[in-house]
């Protein structure tokens, strides 16, 4: 159903994970066929305590089209910036999250 991409930061302090097309809910329909609500998130965890630092919806990276079978995640060499690349690109400064 869903897929996952993950990458550690160069300094080893964080792990970024893109969870794509995760089923959030099953919805009953008139046709008695189950329908699903799906979402995709970027999540960042601190390695030292294992706590999730942030969860950000990234559904708009597919621009209304089916996912292209994944996203790419890349930290800057100094671990201060994270790029999330799909059909669109987002750049996050970890201090701003």
C-alpha atoms as a PDB file:
ATOM      1  CA  UNK A   1       0.000   0.000   0.000  1.00  0.00           C
ATOM      2  CA  UNK A   2       2.434   2.651   1.109  1.00  0.00           C
ATOM      3  CA  UNK A   3       6.133   3.024   0.726  1.00  0.00           C
ATOM      4  CA  UNK A   4       8.910   4.561   2.755  1.00  0.00           C
ATOM      5  CA  UNK A   5      12.153   6.402   2.035  1.00  0.00           C
ATOM      6  CA  UNK A   6      14.570   7.248   4.817  1.00  0.00           C
ATOM      7  CA  UNK A   7      17.959   8.869   5.265  1.00  0.00           C
ATOM      8  CA  UNK A   8      20.141   9.741   8.279  1.00  0.00           C
ATOM      9  CA  UNK A   9      21.715  13.171   8.663  1.00  0.00           C
ATOM     10  CA  UNK A  10      25.511  13.339   8.124  1.00  0.00           C
ATOM     11  CA  UNK A  11      26.073  14.254  11.796  1.00  0.00           C
ATOM     12  CA  UNK A  12      23.991  11.265  12.937  1.00  0.00           C
ATOM     13  CA  UNK A  13      21.558  13.379  14.992  1.00  0.00           C
ATOM     14  CA  UNK A  14      18.432  12.943  12.843  1.00  0.00           C
ATOM     15  CA  UNK A  15      16.643  10.465  10.627  1.00  0.00           C
ATOM     16  CA  UNK A  16      14.231  11.755   7.971  1.00  0.00           C
ATOM     17  CA  UNK A  17      11.512   9.436   6.664  1.00  0.00           C
ATOM     18  CA  UNK A  18       9.020  10.027   3.843  1.00  0.00           C
ATOM     19  CA  UNK A  19       5.928   7.842   4.365  1.00  0.00           C
ATOM     20  CA  UNK A  20       4.017   7.746   1.088  1.00  0.00           C
ATOM     21  CA  UNK A  21       0.377   6.837   0.479  1.00  0.00           C
ATOM     22  CA  UNK A  22      -0.300   5.618   4.014  1.00  0.00           C
ATOM     23  CA  UNK A  23      -3.904   4.530   4.559  1.00  0.00           C
ATOM     24  CA  UNK A  24      -5.418   6.858   7.120  1.00  0.00           C
ATOM     25  CA  UNK A  25      -9.002   5.596   7.106  1.00  0.00           C
ATOM     26  CA  UNK A  26     -11.389   3.183   5.461  1.00  0.00           C
ATOM     27  CA  UNK A  27     -14.639   4.820   4.476  1.00  0.00           C
ATOM     28  CA  UNK A  28     -17.883   2.999   3.740  1.00  0.00           C
ATOM     29  CA  UNK A  29     -19.436   3.938   0.418  1.00  0.00           C
ATOM     30  CA  UNK A  30     -22.911   3.583  -1.063  1.00  0.00           C
ATOM     31  CA  UNK A  31     -21.660   0.873  -3.425  1.00  0.00           C
ATOM     32  CA  UNK A  32     -20.513  -1.211  -0.436  1.00  0.00           C
ATOM     33  CA  UNK A  33     -16.956  -0.997  -1.710  1.00  0.00           C
ATOM     34  CA  UNK A  34     -14.424   0.264   0.787  1.00  0.00           C
ATOM     35  CA  UNK A  35     -12.804   3.558  -0.071  1.00  0.00           C
ATOM     36  CA  UNK A  36      -9.611   4.755   1.550  1.00  0.00           C
ATOM     37  CA  UNK A  37      -8.218   8.086   2.575  1.00  0.00           C
ATOM     38  CA  UNK A  38      -4.480   8.216   2.065  1.00  0.00           C
ATOM     39  CA  UNK A  39      -1.842  10.699   3.107  1.00  0.00           C
ATOM     40  CA  UNK A  40       1.895  11.152   2.825  1.00  0.00           C
ATOM     41  CA  UNK A  41       4.124  12.665   5.488  1.00  0.00           C
ATOM     42  CA  UNK A  42       7.704  13.701   6.055  1.00  0.00           C
ATOM     43  CA  UNK A  43       8.781  12.786   9.584  1.00  0.00           C
ATOM     44  CA  UNK A  44      12.008  13.661  11.320  1.00  0.00           C
ATOM     45  CA  UNK A  45      13.246  11.869  14.445  1.00  0.00           C
ATOM     46  CA  UNK A  46      16.065  12.708  16.842  1.00  0.00           C
ATOM     47  CA  UNK A  47      18.367   9.709  17.136  1.00  0.00           C
ATOM     48  CA  UNK A  48      19.583  10.408  20.696  1.00  0.00           C
ATOM     49  CA  UNK A  49      16.164  10.075  22.358  1.00  0.00           C
ATOM     50  CA  UNK A  50      14.103   8.457  19.561  1.00  0.00           C
ATOM     51  CA  UNK A  51      11.468  11.203  19.688  1.00  0.00           C
ATOM     52  CA  UNK A  52       9.685  12.474  16.614  1.00  0.00           C
ATOM     53  CA  UNK A  53      10.643  16.100  16.078  1.00  0.00           C
ATOM     54  CA  UNK A  54       8.169  16.991  13.338  1.00  0.00           C
ATOM     55  CA  UNK A  55       5.573  15.534  10.969  1.00  0.00           C
ATOM     56  CA  UNK A  56       4.780  17.497   7.809  1.00  0.00           C
ATOM     57  CA  UNK A  57       2.186  16.595   5.138  1.00  0.00           C
ATOM     58  CA  UNK A  58       3.832  16.215   1.715  1.00  0.00           C
ATOM     59  CA  UNK A  59       0.799  15.235  -0.364  1.00  0.00           C
ATOM     60  CA  UNK A  60       1.275  18.243  -2.647  1.00  0.00           C
ATOM     61  CA  UNK A  61       4.619  16.917  -3.896  1.00  0.00           C
ATOM     62  CA  UNK A  62       2.754  14.660  -6.301  1.00  0.00           C
ATOM     63  CA  UNK A  63       0.956  17.664  -7.869  1.00  0.00           C
ATOM     64  CA  UNK A  64      -2.324  15.777  -8.184  1.00  0.00           C
ATOM     65  CA  UNK A  65      -0.779  12.801  -9.958  1.00  0.00           C
ATOM     66  CA  UNK A  66      -0.076   9.342  -8.611  1.00  0.00           C
ATOM     67  CA  UNK A  67       3.207   9.094  -6.805  1.00  0.00           C
ATOM     68  CA  UNK A  68       6.190   8.485  -8.982  1.00  0.00           C
ATOM     69  CA  UNK A  69       7.189   5.541  -6.796  1.00  0.00           C
ATOM     70  CA  UNK A  70       9.014   7.555  -4.185  1.00  0.00           C
ATOM     71  CA  UNK A  71      10.750  10.726  -3.158  1.00  0.00           C
ATOM     72  CA  UNK A  72      14.395  11.536  -2.592  1.00  0.00           C
ATOM     73  CA  UNK A  73      15.611  12.908   0.724  1.00  0.00           C
ATOM     74  CA  UNK A  74      18.981  14.616   1.118  1.00  0.00           C
ATOM     75  CA  UNK A  75      20.549  16.424   4.069  1.00  0.00           C
ATOM     76  CA  UNK A  76      23.114  19.153   3.510  1.00  0.00           C
ATOM     77  CA  UNK A  77      26.670  18.185   4.575  1.00  0.00           C
ATOM     78  CA  UNK A  78      26.325  20.285   7.757  1.00  0.00           C
ATOM     79  CA  UNK A  79      22.936  18.647   8.612  1.00  0.00           C
ATOM     80  CA  UNK A  80      21.130  22.000   8.834  1.00  0.00           C
ATOM     81  CA  UNK A  81      18.988  21.643   5.697  1.00  0.00           C
ATOM     82  CA  UNK A  82      16.850  18.844   4.256  1.00  0.00           C
ATOM     83  CA  UNK A  83      15.729  18.633   0.617  1.00  0.00           C
ATOM     84  CA  UNK A  84      12.641  16.586  -0.249  1.00  0.00           C
ATOM     85  CA  UNK A  85      12.371  15.983  -3.981  1.00  0.00           C
ATOM     86  CA  UNK A  86       9.432  14.555  -5.890  1.00  0.00           C
ATOM     87  CA  UNK A  87       7.580  16.178  -8.768  1.00  0.00           C
ATOM     88  CA  UNK A  88       8.296  19.312  -6.725  1.00  0.00           C
ATOM     89  CA  UNK A  89      11.160  20.215  -4.421  1.00  0.00           C
ATOM     90  CA  UNK A  90      10.917  21.444  -0.843  1.00  0.00           C
ATOM     91  CA  UNK A  91      13.844  22.699   1.208  1.00  0.00           C
ATOM     92  CA  UNK A  92      13.579  22.708   5.016  1.00  0.00           C
ATOM     93  CA  UNK A  93      15.926  24.331   7.520  1.00  0.00           C
ATOM     94  CA  UNK A  94      15.881  22.072  10.550  1.00  0.00           C
ATOM     95  CA  UNK A  95      16.091  25.049  12.943  1.00  0.00           C
ATOM     96  CA  UNK A  96      12.824  26.394  11.477  1.00  0.00           C
ATOM     97  CA  UNK A  97      10.983  23.147  12.163  1.00  0.00           C
END
